[in-house]
């Protein structure tokens, strides 16, 4: 066998080996709202469903009708404050906050203002406009709408594990507080429990 033919044979064998030894991977597109729970950890489905359920419960409680009557039908204005992650997992609470903001806005039952971080960015833009935008197009500072109520909360978890079986319990607590009086006008909670068998729990 010539040296060139031998090299071609070796290259072909290596290529075949690499092709056979590599892990096959299949990607399937699914609906964004489909329920897929691979790890048993807090996921996008939990975030979306909990936000929708808790916001719907919040605005269906007696405080809402009482406030609407006392304000002559003017919608209350809400701002979302801090949502603290006290669970054992690293959870991006920003996604949960955005799901709640979406549920609040889409309800049509409240007005909604930007949170502290967004307001700071908007104020920087106002400051920039004051020295750079034309008089006809610049926006005036001091015209912000003050929120009446603030929504805050926390996400907690408890892990119970025996051998290769595990139960994870999540509790989400939310509170709606009157900003002027500091009265809590609604407290809600949502509980989620997930059981994972030994085949899915990493030891």
Protein backbone atom coordinates (compact mmCIF):
# COMPACT_ATOMS: atom_id res chain seq x y z
CA UNK A 1 0.00 0.00 0.00
CA UNK A 2 1.41 3.36 -0.99
CA UNK A 3 2.05 6.03 1.63
CA UNK A 4 -0.68 8.29 0.10
CA UNK A 5 -3.24 5.48 0.07
CA UNK A 6 -2.36 4.59 3.65
CA UNK A 7 -2.88 8.18 4.79
CA UNK A 8 -6.26 8.35 3.02
CA UNK A 9 -7.34 5.11 4.70
CA UNK A 10 -6.32 6.40 8.15
CA UNK A 11 -8.13 9.72 7.62
CA UNK A 12 -11.28 7.91 6.53
CA UNK A 13 -11.16 5.67 9.59
CA UNK A 14 -10.69 8.62 11.96
CA UNK A 15 -13.59 10.50 10.33
CA UNK A 16 -15.84 7.45 10.66
CA UNK A 17 -14.85 7.00 14.32
CA UNK A 18 -15.54 10.64 15.20
CA UNK A 19 -18.86 10.55 13.40
CA UNK A 20 -19.97 7.43 15.28
CA UNK A 21 -18.68 8.45 18.71
CA UNK A 22 -20.25 11.93 18.80
CA UNK A 23 -23.53 12.41 20.66
CA UNK A 24 -26.49 12.88 18.36
CA UNK A 25 -28.57 15.94 19.06
CA UNK A 26 -32.10 16.63 17.94
CA UNK A 27 -33.68 20.06 18.28
CA UNK A 28 -37.45 20.45 18.05
CA UNK A 29 -39.25 23.77 18.09
CA UNK A 30 -42.13 23.91 20.58
CA UNK A 31 -44.69 26.52 21.56
CA UNK A 32 -43.30 29.12 23.98
CA UNK A 33 -46.14 28.44 26.45
CA UNK A 34 -45.81 24.64 26.33
CA UNK A 35 -45.14 22.90 29.66
CA UNK A 36 -41.73 21.20 29.67
CA UNK A 37 -40.16 20.31 33.02
CA UNK A 38 -36.77 18.65 32.52
CA UNK A 39 -34.93 19.26 35.79
CA UNK A 40 -37.76 19.84 38.25
CA UNK A 41 -36.35 23.27 39.05
CA UNK A 42 -38.24 26.56 38.90
CA UNK A 43 -38.78 27.33 35.22
CA UNK A 44 -40.56 29.64 32.78
CA UNK A 45 -43.86 27.77 33.13
CA UNK A 46 -43.83 28.22 36.91
CA UNK A 47 -43.05 31.91 36.51
CA UNK A 48 -45.83 32.56 33.99
CA UNK A 49 -48.56 30.52 35.70
CA UNK A 50 -47.80 31.84 39.20
CA UNK A 51 -47.73 35.46 37.99
CA UNK A 52 -51.05 35.12 36.15
CA UNK A 53 -52.80 33.35 39.03
CA UNK A 54 -51.56 35.67 41.77
CA UNK A 55 -52.23 38.90 39.87
CA UNK A 56 -55.74 37.70 38.96
CA UNK A 57 -56.36 36.89 42.62
CA UNK A 58 -54.98 40.26 43.72
CA UNK A 59 -57.26 42.41 41.58
CA UNK A 60 -60.31 40.23 42.32
CA UNK A 61 -60.18 40.90 46.07
CA UNK A 62 -62.42 43.41 47.95
CA UNK A 63 -59.72 46.09 48.21
CA UNK A 64 -60.06 46.80 44.49
CA UNK A 65 -63.76 47.74 44.48
CA UNK A 66 -63.33 49.75 47.67
CA UNK A 67 -60.47 51.75 46.18
CA UNK A 68 -62.29 52.31 42.90
CA UNK A 69 -65.30 53.70 44.81
CA UNK A 70 -63.16 55.94 47.02
CA UNK A 71 -61.34 57.31 43.94
CA UNK A 72 -64.46 57.92 41.89
CA UNK A 73 -63.59 55.23 39.35
CA UNK A 74 -59.98 56.31 38.79
CA UNK A 75 -57.72 53.30 38.30
CA UNK A 76 -55.14 52.71 41.05
CA UNK A 77 -51.50 53.00 39.97
CA UNK A 78 -49.13 50.17 40.89
CA UNK A 79 -45.35 49.83 40.86
CA UNK A 80 -43.51 46.54 41.34
CA UNK A 81 -40.86 46.73 44.04
CA UNK A 82 -38.32 44.11 45.07
CA UNK A 83 -39.02 40.40 44.69
CA UNK A 84 -36.43 38.55 46.80
CA UNK A 85 -35.20 35.10 45.91
CA UNK A 86 -34.77 33.20 49.18
CA UNK A 87 -34.89 29.77 47.58
CA UNK A 88 -32.06 27.24 47.31
CA UNK A 89 -31.86 27.84 43.56
CA UNK A 90 -30.37 30.59 41.45
CA UNK A 91 -33.56 32.08 40.00
CA UNK A 92 -33.71 35.04 37.66
CA UNK A 93 -36.49 36.97 39.40
CA UNK A 94 -36.46 39.55 36.60
CA UNK A 95 -38.42 37.10 34.44
CA UNK A 96 -41.00 36.65 37.20
CA UNK A 97 -41.27 40.42 37.65
CA UNK A 98 -41.83 40.90 33.91
CA UNK A 99 -44.54 38.21 33.95
CA UNK A 100 -46.31 40.07 36.77
CA UNK A 101 -45.96 43.42 35.01
CA UNK A 102 -47.47 41.87 31.89
CA UNK A 103 -50.37 40.40 33.88
CA UNK A 104 -51.00 43.77 35.58
CA UNK A 105 -51.00 45.75 32.34
CA UNK A 106 -53.10 43.22 30.42
CA UNK A 107 -55.73 43.11 33.16
CA UNK A 108 -56.83 46.64 32.22
CA UNK A 109 -57.80 47.19 35.85
CA UNK A 110 -54.80 49.20 37.04
CA UNK A 111 -52.41 51.82 35.79
CA UNK A 112 -48.78 50.84 35.95
CA UNK A 113 -45.57 52.85 36.34
CA UNK A 114 -41.95 51.91 35.73
CA UNK A 115 -39.88 50.50 38.56
CA UNK A 116 -36.97 52.30 40.23
CA UNK A 117 -34.31 51.09 37.79
CA UNK A 118 -36.38 52.02 34.74
CA UNK A 119 -37.30 55.41 36.23
CA UNK A 120 -33.64 56.26 36.76
CA UNK A 121 -32.93 55.50 33.11
CA UNK A 122 -35.88 57.63 32.03
CA UNK A 123 -34.72 60.50 34.23
CA UNK A 124 -31.30 60.34 32.63
CA UNK A 125 -32.99 60.63 29.25
CA UNK A 126 -34.98 63.66 30.46
CA UNK A 127 -31.76 65.29 31.67
CA UNK A 128 -30.16 64.64 28.29
CA UNK A 129 -33.13 66.12 26.45
CA UNK A 130 -33.07 69.31 28.51
CA UNK A 131 -29.70 70.25 27.05
CA UNK A 132 -29.88 68.63 23.64
CA UNK A 133 -33.44 68.26 22.31
CA UNK A 134 -35.34 71.09 20.64
CA UNK A 135 -37.78 73.07 22.74
CA UNK A 136 -40.70 71.67 20.76
CA UNK A 137 -39.78 68.03 21.37
CA UNK A 138 -38.11 67.96 24.78
CA UNK A 139 -40.08 66.52 27.70
CA UNK A 140 -40.36 68.33 31.02
CA UNK A 141 -39.11 66.88 34.29
CA UNK A 142 -41.44 66.74 37.28
CA UNK A 143 -44.35 65.25 35.33
CA UNK A 144 -44.10 61.68 36.63
CA UNK A 145 -47.20 59.85 37.84
CA UNK A 146 -46.78 58.73 41.44
CA UNK A 147 -47.77 55.17 42.27
CA UNK A 148 -50.50 54.52 44.83
CA UNK A 149 -49.51 50.94 45.61
CA UNK A 150 -46.35 48.84 45.63
CA UNK A 151 -46.19 45.11 44.99
CA UNK A 152 -43.35 43.28 46.77
CA UNK A 153 -42.65 39.69 47.64
CA UNK A 154 -40.34 36.73 48.03
CA UNK A 155 -39.77 33.27 46.63
CA UNK A 156 -38.88 30.54 49.14
CA UNK A 157 -38.18 26.82 48.86
CA UNK A 158 -37.81 23.70 51.02
CA UNK A 159 -36.00 20.58 49.79
CA UNK A 160 -36.81 17.16 51.23
CA UNK A 161 -34.56 14.36 49.97
CA UNK A 162 -34.18 10.72 50.91
CA UNK A 163 -31.83 8.58 48.88
CA UNK A 164 -32.45 9.38 45.24
CA UNK A 165 -35.96 10.73 45.73
CA UNK A 166 -36.56 14.41 46.18
CA UNK A 167 -39.48 16.73 46.86
CA UNK A 168 -39.05 20.47 46.27
CA UNK A 169 -41.60 22.83 47.76
CA UNK A 170 -41.84 26.42 46.53
CA UNK A 171 -43.82 29.17 48.22
CA UNK A 172 -44.28 32.53 46.56
CA UNK A 173 -45.52 35.36 48.81
CA UNK A 174 -46.69 38.72 47.47
CA UNK A 175 -47.92 41.83 49.29
CA UNK A 176 -49.65 44.94 48.00
CA UNK A 177 -49.02 47.97 50.18
CA UNK A 178 -50.46 51.50 50.16
CA UNK A 179 -47.42 53.73 49.63
CA UNK A 180 -48.80 56.71 51.56
CA UNK A 181 -50.25 54.90 54.59
CA UNK A 182 -48.04 51.77 54.47
CA UNK A 183 -51.15 49.67 55.01
CA UNK A 184 -51.00 46.19 53.51
CA UNK A 185 -54.18 45.83 51.51
CA UNK A 186 -53.58 42.38 50.01
CA UNK A 187 -51.40 39.38 50.86
CA UNK A 188 -51.29 36.38 48.58
CA UNK A 189 -49.33 33.17 48.34
CA UNK A 190 -48.90 30.35 45.85
CA UNK A 191 -47.47 26.92 46.62
CA UNK A 192 -45.85 24.49 44.17
CA UNK A 193 -44.62 20.99 45.06
CA UNK A 194 -42.50 18.88 42.70
CA UNK A 195 -41.55 15.23 43.15
CA UNK A 196 -38.49 13.88 41.37
CA UNK A 197 -37.71 10.19 41.09
CA UNK A 198 -34.24 8.70 41.55
CA UNK A 199 -33.69 8.63 37.80
CA UNK A 200 -33.93 12.43 37.62
CA UNK A 201 -32.23 13.46 40.87
CA UNK A 202 -28.47 14.00 40.66
CA UNK A 203 -26.61 12.75 43.70
